[in-house]
């Protein structure tokens, strides 16, 4: 394996798998304002500059306030198609070859948008992406943890009839004082129905939330998980059981989990033998899509070709893609790194 620093062009061209992306978080400011005008939705920002000024986030909640307001511009299946298709084109430019994409049903159904409208638009865009871009993708509906467990159960029952479109179910939104155990019933129910589970834990919340997500919700992946290093026993467990962490470096910096990308603990996660992956989270809000995140950690943490390859392999292994697709993704990654010798 070459020991020189990977070039930016090499990083951008690297085949990638994205496992932590909120589709509503790909709503770029100009698109948000255009959709709001198209749908006659009033937003609190007069123009793109005013909207971008609102992106001076101090914590997760300050981001979520803008995020939920922006989502109100999404009204029709066409809007959700256009949102997802714009992301697919942007992801293809970063050579993202497979993605498992979060969306928040309650963000839309609680304001009167039928679940079927949301799913219709998203599914149409992802089907188009497979045909036109060679990008495979699946959807993961997430329950909003600032709402009740009962509300999550009602959302799950609405989603279950459309379950063939979903790779798993997840849990997102603010962690503060919202431990995973509050959602034990709905996760038990969806697992009994044969669905996989993932959950955000250990970003704002303590390492104990990661443990609870594993023990109570029985998730297959931890979304974020960067605070696991505060608990050595948990780190050993995550390494032993090869539990993936879907890490979002630029998001972590923008939300003040780390002050600078140079302070991020991704390298320490890898050194601890953890199945850490790189993802973009809410790229329209956090200033970075997949290549931006990979470039940030490559430069900020001094990652070499071997570390990048590990991250790529982790993404494939952690995905819910079938064996045949994983083999295709692995072959593409191997070919890219083999070319580095030429």
Protein backbone atom coordinates (compact mmCIF):
# COMPACT_ATOMS: atom_id res chain seq x y z
CA UNK A 1 0.00 0.00 0.00
CA UNK A 2 1.43 3.41 -0.88
CA UNK A 3 2.65 5.38 2.12
CA UNK A 4 2.34 8.86 0.55
CA UNK A 5 -0.64 11.02 1.40
CA UNK A 6 -3.66 10.35 -0.82
CA UNK A 7 -4.32 13.07 -3.37
CA UNK A 8 -7.58 14.98 -3.32
CA UNK A 9 -8.45 13.51 -6.70
CA UNK A 10 -7.90 9.99 -5.34
CA UNK A 11 -10.18 10.67 -2.37
CA UNK A 12 -12.93 12.19 -4.52
CA UNK A 13 -12.84 9.25 -6.95
CA UNK A 14 -12.85 6.62 -4.20
CA UNK A 15 -16.01 4.43 -4.35
CA UNK A 16 -18.07 5.20 -1.28
CA UNK A 17 -20.94 3.82 0.78
CA UNK A 18 -23.06 6.24 2.83
CA UNK A 19 -24.96 4.94 5.84
CA UNK A 20 -25.84 8.10 7.77
CA UNK A 21 -27.66 10.63 5.61
CA UNK A 22 -30.89 12.44 6.44
CA UNK A 23 -32.56 13.21 3.13
CA UNK A 24 -34.29 16.26 4.60
CA UNK A 25 -30.80 17.45 5.55
CA UNK A 26 -29.80 17.64 1.89
CA UNK A 27 -32.23 20.50 1.25
CA UNK A 28 -29.95 23.27 -0.03
CA UNK A 29 -30.94 26.86 0.82
CA UNK A 30 -31.81 27.90 -2.74
CA UNK A 31 -33.88 24.75 -3.23
CA UNK A 32 -35.66 25.25 0.10
CA UNK A 33 -36.65 28.79 -0.81
CA UNK A 34 -37.69 27.79 -4.33
CA UNK A 35 -39.91 24.98 -3.03
CA UNK A 36 -41.42 27.30 -0.45
CA UNK A 37 -42.29 29.76 -3.19
CA UNK A 38 -43.65 26.98 -5.42
CA UNK A 39 -45.83 25.68 -2.60
CA UNK A 40 -46.70 29.06 -1.08
CA UNK A 41 -45.11 28.19 2.26
CA UNK A 42 -43.97 31.11 4.42
CA UNK A 43 -40.44 30.72 5.83
CA UNK A 44 -38.75 33.04 8.34
CA UNK A 45 -35.89 33.89 5.97
CA UNK A 46 -36.10 36.43 3.16
CA UNK A 47 -33.26 35.12 1.03
CA UNK A 48 -30.37 32.66 0.85
CA UNK A 49 -28.03 34.95 2.79
CA UNK A 50 -30.48 35.26 5.67
CA UNK A 51 -31.00 31.51 5.69
CA UNK A 52 -27.27 30.77 5.71
CA UNK A 53 -26.85 33.19 8.60
CA UNK A 54 -29.18 30.94 10.59
CA UNK A 55 -26.65 28.10 10.18
CA UNK A 56 -24.49 29.37 13.06
CA UNK A 57 -25.48 26.37 15.14
CA UNK A 58 -24.46 26.16 18.79
CA UNK A 59 -25.83 22.67 19.41
CA UNK A 60 -28.04 19.98 17.92
CA UNK A 61 -31.29 21.69 18.88
CA UNK A 62 -30.34 24.97 17.20
CA UNK A 63 -29.81 22.99 14.01
CA UNK A 64 -33.06 21.05 14.39
CA UNK A 65 -35.05 24.28 14.70
CA UNK A 66 -33.88 25.32 11.22
CA UNK A 67 -34.13 21.79 9.87
CA UNK A 68 -37.80 21.35 10.79
CA UNK A 69 -38.74 24.80 9.52
CA UNK A 70 -37.07 24.06 6.19
CA UNK A 71 -38.84 20.72 5.85
CA UNK A 72 -42.17 22.56 5.79
CA UNK A 73 -41.40 23.53 2.18
CA UNK A 74 -41.83 19.86 1.21
CA UNK A 75 -45.49 19.32 0.36
CA UNK A 76 -45.95 17.00 -2.62
CA UNK A 77 -44.49 13.77 -3.99
CA UNK A 78 -42.78 15.85 -6.66
CA UNK A 79 -40.99 17.84 -3.95
CA UNK A 80 -39.66 14.71 -2.29
CA UNK A 81 -38.59 13.33 -5.67
CA UNK A 82 -36.76 16.54 -6.52
CA UNK A 83 -35.09 16.63 -3.10
CA UNK A 84 -33.84 13.04 -3.36
CA UNK A 85 -32.86 13.28 -7.02
CA UNK A 86 -30.75 16.38 -6.38
CA UNK A 87 -28.92 14.43 -3.67
CA UNK A 88 -28.48 11.40 -5.93
CA UNK A 89 -26.80 13.50 -8.62
CA UNK A 90 -24.55 15.14 -6.04
CA UNK A 91 -23.70 11.77 -4.47
CA UNK A 92 -22.88 10.22 -7.84
CA UNK A 93 -20.39 13.05 -8.43
CA UNK A 94 -18.67 11.91 -5.22
CA UNK A 95 -18.76 8.29 -6.45
CA UNK A 96 -21.20 7.18 -3.76
CA UNK A 97 -22.26 3.78 -5.06
CA UNK A 98 -24.63 2.65 -2.30
CA UNK A 99 -26.58 4.54 0.35
CA UNK A 100 -29.02 3.83 3.15
CA UNK A 101 -30.98 6.99 3.65
CA UNK A 102 -32.87 8.23 6.70
CA UNK A 103 -36.13 10.12 6.51
CA UNK A 104 -38.42 11.36 9.28
CA UNK A 105 -42.06 10.40 8.66
CA UNK A 106 -43.33 12.37 11.67
CA UNK A 107 -41.75 15.57 10.40
CA UNK A 108 -44.20 15.34 7.52
CA UNK A 109 -47.22 13.44 8.80
CA UNK A 110 -47.51 15.71 11.84
CA UNK A 111 -48.07 18.63 9.47
CA UNK A 112 -50.64 16.81 7.39
CA UNK A 113 -48.51 15.26 4.63
CA UNK A 114 -49.48 11.63 4.06
CA UNK A 115 -46.73 9.04 4.44
CA UNK A 116 -47.58 7.68 0.99
CA UNK A 117 -46.77 11.07 -0.56
CA UNK A 118 -43.34 11.13 1.07
CA UNK A 119 -42.45 7.55 0.18
CA UNK A 120 -43.77 7.83 -3.38
CA UNK A 121 -41.47 10.74 -4.17
CA UNK A 122 -38.40 9.27 -2.49
CA UNK A 123 -38.81 5.81 -3.99
CA UNK A 124 -39.25 7.24 -7.49
CA UNK A 125 -36.01 9.20 -7.22
CA UNK A 126 -34.04 6.22 -5.88
CA UNK A 127 -35.36 3.94 -8.63
CA UNK A 128 -34.29 6.52 -11.19
CA UNK A 129 -30.85 6.73 -9.56
CA UNK A 130 -30.34 2.99 -9.88
CA UNK A 131 -31.18 3.09 -13.58
CA UNK A 132 -29.46 6.31 -14.59
CA UNK A 133 -26.55 6.53 -12.13
CA UNK A 134 -25.90 2.96 -11.00
CA UNK A 135 -26.47 4.12 -7.42
CA UNK A 136 -28.27 1.62 -5.19
CA UNK A 137 -30.12 2.95 -2.17
CA UNK A 138 -32.65 2.00 0.47
CA UNK A 139 -34.72 4.00 2.94
CA UNK A 140 -34.68 3.95 6.75
CA UNK A 141 -37.64 5.67 8.45
CA UNK A 142 -36.62 7.17 11.80
CA UNK A 143 -38.71 7.90 14.86
CA UNK A 144 -38.29 11.36 16.38
CA UNK A 145 -37.02 10.83 19.91
CA UNK A 146 -38.28 14.19 21.19
CA UNK A 147 -41.78 12.75 20.63
CA UNK A 148 -43.31 9.90 22.61
CA UNK A 149 -42.86 6.18 22.29
CA UNK A 150 -46.59 5.91 21.61
CA UNK A 151 -46.25 8.33 18.69
CA UNK A 152 -43.38 6.21 17.37
CA UNK A 153 -45.56 3.10 17.53
CA UNK A 154 -48.34 4.83 15.58
CA UNK A 155 -45.78 5.89 12.97
CA UNK A 156 -44.41 2.37 12.75
CA UNK A 157 -47.88 0.92 12.13
CA UNK A 158 -48.35 3.44 9.33
CA UNK A 159 -44.96 2.55 7.86
CA UNK A 160 -45.26 -1.21 8.18
CA UNK A 161 -47.59 -1.55 5.17
CA UNK A 162 -44.86 0.02 3.01
CA UNK A 163 -42.13 -2.07 4.58
CA UNK A 164 -40.80 -3.52 1.33
CA UNK A 165 -39.21 -0.13 0.65
CA UNK A 166 -37.29 0.00 3.94
CA UNK A 167 -33.93 -1.48 4.93
CA UNK A 168 -34.43 -0.85 8.66
CA UNK A 169 -36.00 1.53 11.17
CA UNK A 170 -34.08 4.12 13.16
CA UNK A 171 -34.20 6.65 15.98
CA UNK A 172 -33.00 10.24 15.60
CA UNK A 173 -33.48 13.86 16.77
CA UNK A 174 -32.21 15.32 20.04
CA UNK A 175 -30.66 12.85 22.49
CA UNK A 176 -30.80 15.10 25.56
CA UNK A 177 -32.79 13.39 28.31
CA UNK A 178 -34.29 10.98 25.76
CA UNK A 179 -32.71 7.58 26.47
CA UNK A 180 -33.28 4.74 24.00
CA UNK A 181 -35.33 2.75 26.52
CA UNK A 182 -38.25 5.16 25.97
CA UNK A 183 -38.69 3.43 22.61
CA UNK A 184 -38.29 -0.17 23.75
CA UNK A 185 -41.83 -1.21 22.82
CA UNK A 186 -41.81 -0.01 19.23
CA UNK A 187 -38.38 -1.48 18.57
CA UNK A 188 -39.45 -4.83 20.03
CA UNK A 189 -42.45 -4.75 17.75
CA UNK A 190 -40.57 -3.94 14.57
CA UNK A 191 -37.88 -6.52 15.30
CA UNK A 192 -40.61 -9.13 15.85
CA UNK A 193 -41.89 -8.21 12.40
CA UNK A 194 -38.47 -8.98 10.94
CA UNK A 195 -37.09 -5.47 10.48
CA UNK A 196 -33.55 -4.40 11.37
CA UNK A 197 -32.94 -1.55 13.78
CA UNK A 198 -30.41 1.28 14.04
CA UNK A 199 -30.29 4.27 16.40
CA UNK A 200 -28.53 7.56 16.97
CA UNK A 201 -26.60 7.35 20.23
CA UNK A 202 -23.46 8.74 21.78
CA UNK A 203 -23.33 12.07 19.95
CA UNK A 204 -24.84 14.44 22.53
CA UNK A 205 -25.92 11.57 24.73
CA UNK A 206 -23.56 9.65 27.03
CA UNK A 207 -21.94 6.29 26.28
CA UNK A 208 -24.70 4.68 28.36
CA UNK A 209 -27.13 5.53 25.56
CA UNK A 210 -25.03 3.43 23.19
CA UNK A 211 -25.15 0.51 25.60
CA UNK A 212 -28.90 0.94 25.98
CA UNK A 213 -29.42 1.06 22.22
CA UNK A 214 -27.59 -2.26 21.96
CA UNK A 215 -29.19 -3.98 24.96
CA UNK A 216 -32.74 -2.61 24.82
CA UNK A 217 -33.35 -1.69 21.19
CA UNK A 218 -30.96 -4.41 19.92
CA UNK A 219 -29.71 -2.30 17.05
CA UNK A 220 -27.40 -3.57 14.34
CA UNK A 221 -25.60 -0.21 13.95
CA UNK A 222 -24.93 2.83 16.11
CA UNK A 223 -25.36 6.16 14.35
CA UNK A 224 -22.63 8.55 15.54
CA UNK A 225 -21.31 6.73 18.64
CA UNK A 226 -18.24 8.94 18.99
CA UNK A 227 -18.56 9.23 22.77
CA UNK A 228 -17.99 5.49 23.17
CA UNK A 229 -14.31 6.16 23.93
CA UNK A 230 -15.36 7.48 27.33
CA UNK A 231 -16.22 3.89 28.34
CA UNK A 232 -13.37 1.38 27.79
CA UNK A 233 -15.64 -1.60 28.46
CA UNK A 234 -18.05 -0.39 25.78
CA UNK A 235 -15.18 0.08 23.33
CA UNK A 236 -14.08 -3.49 23.89
CA UNK A 237 -17.64 -4.70 23.34
CA UNK A 238 -18.07 -2.69 20.12
CA UNK A 239 -14.77 -4.05 18.80
CA UNK A 240 -15.52 -7.63 19.83
CA UNK A 241 -18.97 -7.65 18.28
CA UNK A 242 -17.97 -5.57 15.23
CA UNK A 243 -20.81 -3.10 15.82
CA UNK A 244 -20.57 -0.40 13.13
CA UNK A 245 -20.48 3.30 14.00
CA UNK A 246 -21.75 5.68 11.33
CA UNK A 247 -19.53 8.65 12.10
CA UNK A 248 -20.19 12.12 10.62
CA UNK A 249 -17.01 14.20 10.99
CA UNK A 250 -18.04 17.61 9.62
CA UNK A 251 -21.40 17.38 11.37
CA UNK A 252 -19.61 16.72 14.66
CA UNK A 253 -17.56 19.87 14.23
CA UNK A 254 -20.49 22.07 13.18
CA UNK A 255 -22.52 20.90 16.18
CA UNK A 256 -19.60 21.45 18.57
CA UNK A 257 -19.04 17.81 19.48
CA UNK A 258 -15.42 18.58 18.53
CA UNK A 259 -13.96 22.06 18.19
CA UNK A 260 -11.92 21.30 15.08
CA UNK A 261 -11.63 18.45 12.61
CA UNK A 262 -8.09 17.96 13.94
CA UNK A 263 -9.64 17.13 17.32
CA UNK A 264 -11.98 14.47 15.95
CA UNK A 265 -11.54 10.99 17.39
CA UNK A 266 -12.04 9.02 14.15
CA UNK A 267 -8.42 7.89 14.11
CA UNK A 268 -8.72 6.77 17.73
CA UNK A 269 -11.85 4.81 16.85
CA UNK A 270 -9.97 3.03 14.09
CA UNK A 271 -6.96 2.43 16.35
CA UNK A 272 -9.33 0.82 18.88
CA UNK A 273 -10.39 -1.69 16.23
CA UNK A 274 -13.89 -0.28 15.78
CA UNK A 275 -15.93 -0.53 12.58
CA UNK A 276 -16.07 3.23 12.06
CA UNK A 277 -17.43 4.63 8.80
CA UNK A 278 -17.52 8.13 7.29
CA UNK A 279 -20.81 9.81 6.40
CA UNK A 280 -22.25 13.28 5.78
CA UNK A 281 -25.35 13.41 8.06
CA UNK A 282 -27.07 16.66 6.92
CA UNK A 283 -24.69 17.96 4.26
CA UNK A 284 -26.69 21.01 3.14
CA UNK A 285 -26.52 22.33 6.68
CA UNK A 286 -23.05 21.18 7.70
CA UNK A 287 -21.11 22.21 4.61
CA UNK A 288 -19.95 18.85 3.39
CA UNK A 289 -21.05 15.89 1.28
CA UNK A 290 -19.19 12.58 1.25
CA UNK A 291 -15.99 13.63 -0.51
CA UNK A 292 -15.84 16.75 1.68
CA UNK A 293 -15.99 14.57 4.79
CA UNK A 294 -13.35 12.17 3.51
CA UNK A 295 -11.08 15.04 2.49
CA UNK A 296 -11.55 16.71 5.87
CA UNK A 297 -10.41 13.67 7.83
CA UNK A 298 -7.68 12.82 5.34
CA UNK A 299 -6.11 16.24 5.78
CA UNK A 300 -7.12 16.97 9.37
CA UNK A 301 -6.16 13.59 10.80
CA UNK A 302 -3.38 12.67 8.39
CA UNK A 303 -5.05 9.51 7.13
CA UNK A 304 -3.13 7.41 4.63
CA UNK A 305 -4.28 5.03 1.90
CA UNK A 306 -4.54 2.14 4.35
CA UNK A 307 -6.85 4.06 6.68
CA UNK A 308 -9.04 5.20 3.79
CA UNK A 309 -9.29 1.66 2.53
CA UNK A 310 -10.34 0.44 5.98
CA UNK A 311 -13.03 3.10 6.11
CA UNK A 312 -14.28 2.06 2.68
CA UNK A 313 -14.32 -1.62 3.65
CA UNK A 314 -16.13 -0.81 6.87
CA UNK A 315 -18.86 1.01 4.95
CA UNK A 316 -19.47 -2.00 2.72
CA UNK A 317 -19.43 -4.48 5.61
CA UNK A 318 -21.76 -2.33 7.71
CA UNK A 319 -24.32 -1.87 4.94
CA UNK A 320 -27.52 -3.84 4.61
CA UNK A 321 -26.82 -4.55 0.94
CA UNK A 322 -27.11 -8.18 -0.12
CA UNK A 323 -24.04 -10.35 -0.62
CA UNK A 324 -23.95 -9.86 -4.38
CA UNK A 325 -24.05 -6.09 -4.11
CA UNK A 326 -21.43 -6.11 -1.37
CA UNK A 327 -19.18 -8.13 -3.65
CA UNK A 328 -19.63 -5.56 -6.42
CA UNK A 329 -18.88 -2.71 -4.06
CA UNK A 330 -15.82 -4.51 -2.71
CA UNK A 331 -14.48 -5.14 -6.20
CA UNK A 332 -14.85 -1.47 -7.12
CA UNK A 333 -13.04 -0.39 -3.95
CA UNK A 334 -10.26 -2.92 -4.50
CA UNK A 335 -9.76 -1.74 -8.09
CA UNK A 336 -9.50 1.87 -6.98
CA UNK A 337 -6.80 1.13 -4.44
CA UNK A 338 -4.96 -1.23 -6.77
CA UNK A 339 -4.71 1.67 -9.23
CA UNK A 340 -2.83 3.64 -6.57
CA UNK A 341 0.15 1.33 -7.22
CA UNK A 342 0.25 2.19 -10.90
